[in-house]
Amino acid sequence: MKREYYVGGEYTPTQAVIRQRTLDLRWLLDNQFEEVILLAVMNYDMLDIDLVKSMTDRFGAAEAQIRLIEFLRD
């Protein structure tokens, strides 16, 4: 098993991806998104986190969630 270490205080590419996914998940949970949205973003890559964030900024979390769930149903 290959071990990855911090290099010069920077994350390795794998660590950077894991850290960003963790921050994205925390943001989704903080904004109280439902499981279907979390799964679509985190597991299936059906939704882009940047799209979710921009819709949340534009419509608010509740309205964005409704629109995103409708999008996933189609």
C-alpha atoms as a PDB file:
ATOM      1  CA  MET A   1       0.000   0.000   0.000  1.00  0.00           C
ATOM      2  CA  LYS A   2       1.426   3.330  -1.049  1.00  0.00           C
ATOM      3  CA  ARG A   3       1.592   5.970   1.668  1.00  0.00           C
ATOM      4  CA  GLU A   4       1.216   9.643   0.892  1.00  0.00           C
ATOM      5  CA  TYR A   5       2.742  12.342   3.029  1.00  0.00           C
ATOM      6  CA  TYR A   6       2.525  16.095   3.227  1.00  0.00           C
ATOM      7  CA  VAL A   7       5.097  17.580   0.917  1.00  0.00           C
ATOM      8  CA  GLY A   8       6.263  21.025   1.946  1.00  0.00           C
ATOM      9  CA  GLY A   9       3.026  21.579   3.853  1.00  0.00           C
ATOM     10  CA  GLU A  10       0.919  21.045   0.724  1.00  0.00           C
ATOM     11  CA  TYR A  11      -1.610  18.311   0.184  1.00  0.00           C
ATOM     12  CA  THR A  12      -0.885  15.531  -2.251  1.00  0.00           C
ATOM     13  CA  PRO A  13      -3.442  15.357  -5.085  1.00  0.00           C
ATOM     14  CA  THR A  14      -5.352  12.573  -3.345  1.00  0.00           C
ATOM     15  CA  GLN A  15      -5.450  14.445  -0.045  1.00  0.00           C
ATOM     16  CA  ALA A  16      -6.602  17.604  -1.804  1.00  0.00           C
ATOM     17  CA  VAL A  17      -9.526  15.768  -3.397  1.00  0.00           C
ATOM     18  CA  ILE A  18     -10.529  14.157  -0.105  1.00  0.00           C
ATOM     19  CA  ARG A  19     -10.272  17.469   1.728  1.00  0.00           C
ATOM     20  CA  GLN A  20     -12.395  19.264  -0.879  1.00  0.00           C
ATOM     21  CA  ARG A  21     -15.041  16.532  -0.826  1.00  0.00           C
ATOM     22  CA  THR A  22     -15.136  16.776   2.974  1.00  0.00           C
ATOM     23  CA  LEU A  23     -15.597  20.552   2.810  1.00  0.00           C
ATOM     24  CA  ASP A  24     -18.346  20.122   0.200  1.00  0.00           C
ATOM     25  CA  LEU A  25     -20.146  17.567   2.374  1.00  0.00           C
ATOM     26  CA  ARG A  26     -19.884  19.833   5.406  1.00  0.00           C
ATOM     27  CA  TRP A  27     -21.338  22.725   3.373  1.00  0.00           C
ATOM     28  CA  LEU A  28     -24.255  20.550   2.196  1.00  0.00           C
ATOM     29  CA  LEU A  29     -24.967  19.398   5.751  1.00  0.00           C
ATOM     30  CA  ASP A  30     -24.723  22.940   7.135  1.00  0.00           C
ATOM     31  CA  ASN A  31     -27.330  24.034   4.591  1.00  0.00           C
ATOM     32  CA  GLN A  32     -29.549  21.079   5.528  1.00  0.00           C
ATOM     33  CA  PHE A  33     -29.750  19.500   2.101  1.00  0.00           C
ATOM     34  CA  GLU A  34     -31.616  16.209   1.911  1.00  0.00           C
ATOM     35  CA  GLU A  35     -29.912  12.853   1.422  1.00  0.00           C
ATOM     36  CA  VAL A  36     -30.823  12.646  -2.247  1.00  0.00           C
ATOM     37  CA  ILE A  37     -28.813  15.818  -2.953  1.00  0.00           C
ATOM     38  CA  LEU A  38     -25.874  14.653  -0.839  1.00  0.00           C
ATOM     39  CA  LEU A  39     -25.800  11.321  -2.665  1.00  0.00           C
ATOM     40  CA  ALA A  40     -26.088  12.961  -6.075  1.00  0.00           C
ATOM     41  CA  VAL A  41     -23.142  15.234  -5.343  1.00  0.00           C
ATOM     42  CA  MET A  42     -20.887  13.027  -3.257  1.00  0.00           C
ATOM     43  CA  ASN A  43     -21.392   9.487  -4.571  1.00  0.00           C
ATOM     44  CA  TYR A  44     -22.729   9.611  -8.074  1.00  0.00           C
ATOM     45  CA  ASP A  45     -21.364  12.915  -9.410  1.00  0.00           C
ATOM     46  CA  MET A  46     -24.802  13.598 -10.876  1.00  0.00           C
ATOM     47  CA  LEU A  47     -24.686  17.166  -9.588  1.00  0.00           C
ATOM     48  CA  ASP A  48     -21.780  19.549  -9.531  1.00  0.00           C
ATOM     49  CA  ILE A  49     -21.213  21.171  -6.135  1.00  0.00           C
ATOM     50  CA  ASP A  50     -20.602  24.532  -7.820  1.00  0.00           C
ATOM     51  CA  LEU A  51     -24.055  24.332  -9.424  1.00  0.00           C
ATOM     52  CA  VAL A  52     -25.622  23.537  -6.049  1.00  0.00           C
ATOM     53  CA  LYS A  53     -23.819  26.463  -4.412  1.00  0.00           C
ATOM     54  CA  SER A  54     -24.743  28.938  -7.149  1.00  0.00           C
ATOM     55  CA  MET A  55     -28.400  27.880  -7.042  1.00  0.00           C
ATOM     56  CA  THR A  56     -28.363  28.209  -3.264  1.00  0.00           C
ATOM     57  CA  ASP A  57     -26.933  31.719  -3.538  1.00  0.00           C
ATOM     58  CA  ARG A  58     -29.546  32.631  -6.124  1.00  0.00           C
ATOM     59  CA  PHE A  59     -32.692  31.007  -4.714  1.00  0.00           C
ATOM     60  CA  GLY A  60     -31.886  30.096  -1.117  1.00  0.00           C
ATOM     61  CA  ALA A  61     -31.338  26.582   0.176  1.00  0.00           C
ATOM     62  CA  ALA A  62     -34.987  25.511   0.313  1.00  0.00           C
ATOM     63  CA  GLU A  63     -35.888  26.592  -3.232  1.00  0.00           C
ATOM     64  CA  ALA A  64     -32.599  25.317  -4.650  1.00  0.00           C
ATOM     65  CA  GLN A  65     -33.248  21.935  -3.086  1.00  0.00           C
ATOM     66  CA  ILE A  66     -36.714  21.704  -4.651  1.00  0.00           C
ATOM     67  CA  ARG A  67     -35.351  22.608  -8.084  1.00  0.00           C
ATOM     68  CA  LEU A  68     -32.451  20.174  -7.789  1.00  0.00           C
ATOM     69  CA  ILE A  69     -34.718  17.296  -6.746  1.00  0.00           C
ATOM     70  CA  GLU A  70     -36.985  18.035  -9.726  1.00  0.00           C
ATOM     71  CA  PHE A  71     -33.909  18.035 -11.965  1.00  0.00           C
ATOM     72  CA  LEU A  72     -32.812  14.648 -10.593  1.00  0.00           C
ATOM     73  CA  ARG A  73     -36.260  13.156 -11.182  1.00  0.00           C
ATOM     74  CA  ASP A  74     -36.151  14.015 -14.891  1.00  0.00           C
END
